[in-house]
PDB file of all heavy atoms in Angstrom:
ATOM      1  N   LEU A   1     -95.370-120.801-107.461  1.00  0.00           N
ATOM      2  CA  LEU A   1     -94.716-119.548-107.491  1.00  0.00           C
ATOM      3  C   LEU A   1     -95.683-118.415-107.775  1.00  0.00           C
ATOM      4  O   LEU A   1     -95.457-117.215-107.570  1.00  0.00           O
ATOM      5  CB  LEU A   1     -93.480-119.463-108.438  1.00  0.00           C
ATOM      6  CG  LEU A   1     -92.393-120.385-108.216  1.00  0.00           C
ATOM      7  CD1 LEU A   1     -91.232-120.374-109.130  1.00  0.00           C
ATOM      8  CD2 LEU A   1     -91.808-120.194-106.596  1.00  0.00           C
ATOM      9  N   ASP A   2     -96.850-118.724-108.310  1.00  0.00           N
ATOM     10  CA  ASP A   2     -97.788-117.684-108.696  1.00  0.00           C
ATOM     11  C   ASP A   2     -98.840-117.364-107.567  1.00  0.00           C
ATOM     12  O   ASP A   2     -99.350-116.326-107.428  1.00  0.00           O
ATOM     13  CB  ASP A   2     -98.634-118.180-109.922  1.00  0.00           C
ATOM     14  CG  ASP A   2     -97.629-118.290-111.220  1.00  0.00           C
ATOM     15  OD1 ASP A   2     -96.742-117.511-111.261  1.00  0.00           O
ATOM     16  OD2 ASP A   2     -97.793-119.166-111.965  1.00  0.00           O
ATOM     17  N   GLU A   3     -99.105-118.391-106.706  1.00  0.00           N
ATOM     18  CA  GLU A   3     -99.956-118.191-105.612  1.00  0.00           C
ATOM     19  C   GLU A   3     -99.374-118.755-104.321  1.00  0.00           C
ATOM     20  O   GLU A   3     -98.720-119.717-104.388  1.00  0.00           O
ATOM     21  CB  GLU A   3    -101.356-118.897-105.943  1.00  0.00           C
ATOM     22  CG  GLU A   3    -102.027-118.348-107.179  1.00  0.00           C
ATOM     23  CD  GLU A   3    -103.489-118.891-107.235  1.00  0.00           C
ATOM     24  OE1 GLU A   3    -103.968-119.450-106.210  1.00  0.00           O
ATOM     25  OE2 GLU A   3    -104.077-118.690-108.346  1.00  0.00           O
ATOM     26  N   ASP A   4     -99.846-118.085-103.239  1.00  0.00           N
ATOM     27  CA  ASP A   4     -99.223-118.574-101.933  1.00  0.00           C
ATOM     28  C   ASP A   4    -100.111-119.624-101.373  1.00  0.00           C
ATOM     29  O   ASP A   4    -100.890-119.469-100.486  1.00  0.00           O
ATOM     30  CB  ASP A   4     -99.210-117.292-101.007  1.00  0.00           C
ATOM     31  CG  ASP A   4     -98.531-117.551 -99.667  1.00  0.00           C
ATOM     32  OD1 ASP A   4     -97.824-118.647 -99.550  1.00  0.00           O
ATOM     33  OD2 ASP A   4     -98.736-116.749 -98.782  1.00  0.00           O
ATOM     34  N   ASN A   5     -99.855-120.877-101.785  1.00  0.00           N
ATOM     35  CA  ASN A   5    -100.575-122.129-101.298  1.00  0.00           C
ATOM     36  C   ASN A   5     -99.696-122.862-100.432  1.00  0.00           C
ATOM     37  O   ASN A   5    -100.058-124.077-100.169  1.00  0.00           O
ATOM     38  CB  ASN A   5    -101.063-122.813-102.485  1.00  0.00           C
ATOM     39  CG  ASN A   5    -102.123-122.079-103.287  1.00  0.00           C
ATOM     40  OD1 ASN A   5    -102.816-121.329-102.701  1.00  0.00           O
ATOM     41  ND2 ASN A   5    -102.286-122.317-104.509  1.00  0.00           N
ATOM     42  N   GLY A   6     -98.505-122.478-100.078  1.00  0.00           N
ATOM     43  CA  GLY A   6     -97.660-123.314 -99.221  1.00  0.00           C
ATOM     44  C   GLY A   6     -96.778-124.255-100.086  1.00  0.00           C
ATOM     45  O   GLY A   6     -96.778-124.301-101.249  1.00  0.00           O
ATOM     46  N   THR A   7     -96.119-125.035 -99.296  1.00  0.00           N
ATOM     47  CA  THR A   7     -95.219-126.133 -99.916  1.00  0.00           C
ATOM     48  C   THR A   7     -95.706-127.470 -99.528  1.00  0.00           C
ATOM     49  O   THR A   7     -96.022-127.808 -98.376  1.00  0.00           O
ATOM     50  CB  THR A   7     -93.716-125.877 -99.508  1.00  0.00           C
ATOM     51  OG1 THR A   7     -93.248-124.567 -99.832  1.00  0.00           O
ATOM     52  CG2 THR A   7     -92.800-126.986-100.004  1.00  0.00           C
ATOM     53  N   THR A   8     -95.700-128.421-100.610  1.00  0.00           N
ATOM     54  CA  THR A   8     -96.104-129.781-100.268  1.00  0.00           C
ATOM     55  C   THR A   8     -94.826-130.655-100.435  1.00  0.00           C
ATOM     56  O   THR A   8     -94.116-130.526-101.393  1.00  0.00           O
ATOM     57  CB  THR A   8     -97.158-130.218-101.356  1.00  0.00           C
ATOM     58  OG1 THR A   8     -98.309-129.448-101.262  1.00  0.00           O
ATOM     59  CG2 THR A   8     -97.540-131.621-101.082  1.00  0.00           C
ATOM     60  N   ALA A   9     -94.569-131.492 -99.447  1.00  0.00           N
ATOM     61  CA  ALA A   9     -93.494-132.415 -99.467  1.00  0.00           C
ATOM     62  C   ALA A   9     -93.952-133.846 -99.592  1.00  0.00           C
ATOM     63  O   ALA A   9     -94.885-134.251 -98.845  1.00  0.00           O
ATOM     64  CB  ALA A   9     -92.567-132.228 -98.230  1.00  0.00           C
ATOM     65  N   VAL A  10     -93.416-134.592-100.461  1.00  0.00           N
ATOM     66  CA  VAL A  10     -93.815-135.993-100.791  1.00  0.00           C
ATOM     67  C   VAL A  10     -92.522-136.886-100.878  1.00  0.00           C
ATOM     68  O   VAL A  10     -91.638-136.478-101.496  1.00  0.00           O
ATOM     69  CB  VAL A  10     -94.667-136.143-102.079  1.00  0.00           C
ATOM     70  CG1 VAL A  10     -95.252-137.446-102.266  1.00  0.00           C
ATOM     71  CG2 VAL A  10     -95.745-134.923-102.220  1.00  0.00           C
ATOM     72  N   ASP A  11     -92.734-138.089-100.368  1.00  0.00           N
ATOM     73  CA  ASP A  11     -91.568-139.034-100.479  1.00  0.00           C
ATOM     74  C   ASP A  11     -91.789-139.774-101.753  1.00  0.00           C
ATOM     75  O   ASP A  11     -92.884-140.318-102.000  1.00  0.00           O
ATOM     76  CB  ASP A  11     -91.687-140.017 -99.236  1.00  0.00           C
ATOM     77  CG  ASP A  11     -90.865-139.470 -98.034  1.00  0.00           C
ATOM     78  OD1 ASP A  11     -90.547-138.275 -98.107  1.00  0.00           O
ATOM     79  OD2 ASP A  11     -90.841-140.238 -97.049  1.00  0.00           O
ATOM     80  N   ALA A  12     -90.754-139.935-102.521  1.00  0.00           N
ATOM     81  CA  ALA A  12     -90.756-140.680-103.777  1.00  0.00           C
ATOM     82  C   ALA A  12     -90.524-142.219-103.462  1.00  0.00           C
ATOM     83  O   ALA A  12     -89.731-142.503-102.571  1.00  0.00           O
ATOM     84  CB  ALA A  12     -89.644-140.143-104.803  1.00  0.00           C
ATOM     85  N   GLN A  13     -91.150-143.019-104.290  1.00  0.00           N
ATOM     86  CA  GLN A  13     -91.043-144.487-104.129  1.00  0.00           C
ATOM     87  C   GLN A  13     -89.973-144.931-105.102  1.00  0.00           C
ATOM     88  O   GLN A  13     -90.042-144.634-106.375  1.00  0.00           O
ATOM     89  CB  GLN A  13     -92.374-145.084-104.336  1.00  0.00           C
ATOM     90  CG  GLN A  13     -93.526-144.685-103.400  1.00  0.00           C
ATOM     91  CD  GLN A  13     -93.223-144.928-101.951  1.00  0.00           C
ATOM     92  OE1 GLN A  13     -92.704-146.086-101.718  1.00  0.00           O
ATOM     93  NE2 GLN A  13     -93.560-144.089-101.181  1.00  0.00           N
ATOM     94  N   GLU A  14     -89.059-145.815-104.702  1.00  0.00           N
ATOM     95  CA  GLU A  14     -87.959-146.347-105.492  1.00  0.00           C
ATOM     96  C   GLU A  14     -88.598-147.515-106.438  1.00  0.00           C
ATOM     97  O   GLU A  14     -89.303-148.400-105.922  1.00  0.00           O
ATOM     98  CB  GLU A  14     -86.883-146.948-104.727  1.00  0.00           C
ATOM     99  CG  GLU A  14     -85.739-147.340-105.600  1.00  0.00           C
ATOM    100  CD  GLU A  14     -84.477-147.760-104.744  1.00  0.00           C
ATOM    101  OE1 GLU A  14     -84.669-147.972-103.500  1.00  0.00           O
ATOM    102  OE2 GLU A  14     -83.422-147.877-105.319  1.00  0.00           O
ATOM    103  N   ILE A  15     -88.375-147.366-107.676  1.00  0.00           N
ATOM    104  CA  ILE A  15     -88.884-148.419-108.644  1.00  0.00           C
ATOM    105  C   ILE A  15     -87.750-149.256-109.176  1.00  0.00           C
ATOM    106  O   ILE A  15     -87.985-150.386-109.608  1.00  0.00           O
ATOM    107  CB  ILE A  15     -89.735-147.732-109.820  1.00  0.00           C
ATOM    108  CG1 ILE A  15     -88.877-146.659-110.463  1.00  0.00           C
ATOM    109  CG2 ILE A  15     -90.975-147.214-109.233  1.00  0.00           C
ATOM    110  CD1 ILE A  15     -89.566-146.081-111.684  1.00  0.00           C
ATOM    111  N   SER A  16     -86.561-148.739-109.141  1.00  0.00           N
ATOM    112  CA  SER A  16     -85.354-149.457-109.508  1.00  0.00           C
ATOM    113  C   SER A  16     -84.187-148.694-108.951  1.00  0.00           C
ATOM    114  O   SER A  16     -84.360-147.545-108.431  1.00  0.00           O
ATOM    115  CB  SER A  16     -85.246-149.723-111.040  1.00  0.00           C
ATOM    116  OG  SER A  16     -85.060-148.487-111.742  1.00  0.00           O
ATOM    117  N   GLU A  17     -82.998-149.238-109.135  1.00  0.00           N
ATOM    118  CA  GLU A  17     -81.765-148.512-108.515  1.00  0.00           C
ATOM    119  C   GLU A  17     -81.610-147.101-109.148  1.00  0.00           C
ATOM    120  O   GLU A  17     -81.374-147.039-110.436  1.00  0.00           O
ATOM    121  CB  GLU A  17     -80.614-149.357-108.753  1.00  0.00           C
ATOM    122  CG  GLU A  17     -79.308-148.798-108.094  1.00  0.00           C
ATOM    123  CD  GLU A  17     -78.121-149.655-108.270  1.00  0.00           C
ATOM    124  OE1 GLU A  17     -78.228-150.769-108.894  1.00  0.00           O
ATOM    125  OE2 GLU A  17     -77.033-149.312-107.771  1.00  0.00           O
ATOM    126  N   GLY A  18     -81.729-146.153-108.380  1.00  0.00           N
ATOM    127  CA  GLY A  18     -81.582-144.698-108.903  1.00  0.00           C
ATOM    128  C   GLY A  18     -82.742-144.156-109.483  1.00  0.00           C
ATOM    129  O   GLY A  18     -82.640-142.922-109.895  1.00  0.00           O
ATOM    130  N   GLU A  19     -83.863-144.889-109.568  1.00  0.00           N
ATOM    131  CA  GLU A  19     -85.070-144.395-110.155  1.00  0.00           C
ATOM    132  C   GLU A  19     -86.243-144.382-109.140  1.00  0.00           C
ATOM    133  O   GLU A  19     -86.462-145.324-108.460  1.00  0.00           O
ATOM    134  CB  GLU A  19     -85.454-145.124-111.423  1.00  0.00           C
ATOM    135  CG  GLU A  19     -84.410-145.018-112.500  1.00  0.00           C
ATOM    136  CD  GLU A  19     -84.852-145.796-113.793  1.00  0.00           C
ATOM    137  OE1 GLU A  19     -85.968-146.368-113.785  1.00  0.00           O
ATOM    138  OE2 GLU A  19     -84.249-145.552-114.859  1.00  0.00           O
ATOM    139  N   TYR A  20     -86.954-143.216-109.243  1.00  0.00           N
ATOM    140  CA  TYR A  20     -87.996-143.058-108.198  1.00  0.00           C
ATOM    141  C   TYR A  20     -89.218-142.396-108.953  1.00  0.00           C
ATOM    142  O   TYR A  20     -89.100-141.768-110.034  1.00  0.00           O
ATOM    143  CB  TYR A  20     -87.651-142.078-107.092  1.00  0.00           C
ATOM    144  CG  TYR A  20     -86.361-142.656-106.380  1.00  0.00           C
ATOM    145  CD1 TYR A  20     -85.047-142.282-106.967  1.00  0.00           C
ATOM    146  CD2 TYR A  20     -86.457-143.337-105.202  1.00  0.00           C
ATOM    147  CE1 TYR A  20     -83.909-142.732-106.264  1.00  0.00           C
ATOM    148  CE2 TYR A  20     -85.268-143.741-104.614  1.00  0.00           C
ATOM    149  CZ  TYR A  20     -83.993-143.443-105.111  1.00  0.00           C
ATOM    150  OH  TYR A  20     -82.890-143.866-104.513  1.00  0.00           O
ATOM    151  N   HIS A  21     -90.363-142.631-108.329  1.00  0.00           N
ATOM    152  CA  HIS A  21     -91.640-142.016-108.946  1.00  0.00           C
ATOM    153  C   HIS A  21     -92.601-141.611-107.839  1.00  0.00           C
ATOM    154  O   HIS A  21     -92.612-142.102-106.667  1.00  0.00           O
ATOM    155  CB  HIS A  21     -92.317-142.977-109.836  1.00  0.00           C
ATOM    156  CG  HIS A  21     -93.277-143.885-109.284  1.00  0.00           C
ATOM    157  ND1 HIS A  21     -92.920-144.957-108.340  1.00  0.00           N
ATOM    158  CD2 HIS A  21     -94.668-143.894-109.356  1.00  0.00           C
ATOM    159  CE1 HIS A  21     -94.085-145.576-107.947  1.00  0.00           C
ATOM    160  NE2 HIS A  21     -95.067-144.972-108.527  1.00  0.00           N
ATOM    161  N   ILE A  22     -93.518-140.666-108.138  1.00  0.00           N
ATOM    162  CA  ILE A  22     -94.606-140.137-107.264  1.00  0.00           C
ATOM    163  C   ILE A  22     -95.811-140.028-108.229  1.00  0.00           C
ATOM    164  O   ILE A  22     -95.701-139.480-109.373  1.00  0.00           O
ATOM    165  CB  ILE A  22     -94.140-138.763-106.693  1.00  0.00           C
ATOM    166  CG1 ILE A  22     -92.972-138.919-105.797  1.00  0.00           C
ATOM    167  CG2 ILE A  22     -95.423-138.251-105.925  1.00  0.00           C
ATOM    168  CD1 ILE A  22     -92.514-137.527-105.282  1.00  0.00           C
ATOM    169  N   GLY A  23     -97.031-140.401-107.780  1.00  0.00           N
ATOM    170  CA  GLY A  23     -98.170-140.132-108.470  1.00  0.00           C
ATOM    171  C   GLY A  23     -99.156-139.338-107.653  1.00  0.00           C
ATOM    172  O   GLY A  23     -99.359-139.573-106.424  1.00  0.00           O
ATOM    173  N   GLY A  24     -99.922-138.446-108.221  1.00  0.00           N
ATOM    174  CA  GLY A  24    -100.931-137.566-107.461  1.00  0.00           C
ATOM    175  C   GLY A  24    -101.194-136.260-108.189  1.00  0.00           C
ATOM    176  O   GLY A  24    -100.518-135.880-109.119  1.00  0.00           O
ATOM    177  N   SER A  25    -102.123-135.596-107.545  1.00  0.00           N
ATOM    178  CA  SER A  25    -102.643-134.314-108.128  1.00  0.00           C
ATOM    179  C   SER A  25    -101.894-133.218-107.338  1.00  0.00           C
ATOM    180  O   SER A  25    -102.486-132.315-106.786  1.00  0.00           O
ATOM    181  CB  SER A  25    -104.110-134.121-107.963  1.00  0.00           C
ATOM    182  OG  SER A  25    -104.758-135.164-108.656  1.00  0.00           O
TER     183      SER A  25
END
């Protein structure tokens, strides 16, 4: 929200029922 760098969309990986995670910079 501070700089106009666009939007990044990432798919989360399911690790258990109802729980998801994403790793990265």
